[in-house]
């Protein structure tokens, strides 16, 4: 199991706190400090679809020019953007048992961990 995201993201902080409160010691991978692996990103996109991974409500997306936004039209262009700007990836991403889970809500994690 592994949690991916950006350490100063409020949603990532909530997910990490929930995991810690439930005595789940989950390694954390910070996109900003450790980067994004292309192979991992391709696996993630294959499971979730590239559209679900682009956080269009986040600051990074909003700061892109209209031309940059319009250039994201398929898996290839989305992956290129996520490699160049990892903070545009929806987070956190929880990898558990070969499956990826995007975002965080207490209800989702409770269901996921059988709480």
Foldseek 3Di string as FASTA:
>chain_A
DAKEEAVVDPQVVVVVVVCVVVVHDHHYHHCVVRNDDLVVVVLQCVAPNLVLFFQCVDPVNVPDDPVLVVQPDHDVSSSVVCRVPVNRTADIWDQDPNDTDGTDDPVVVCVVVVD
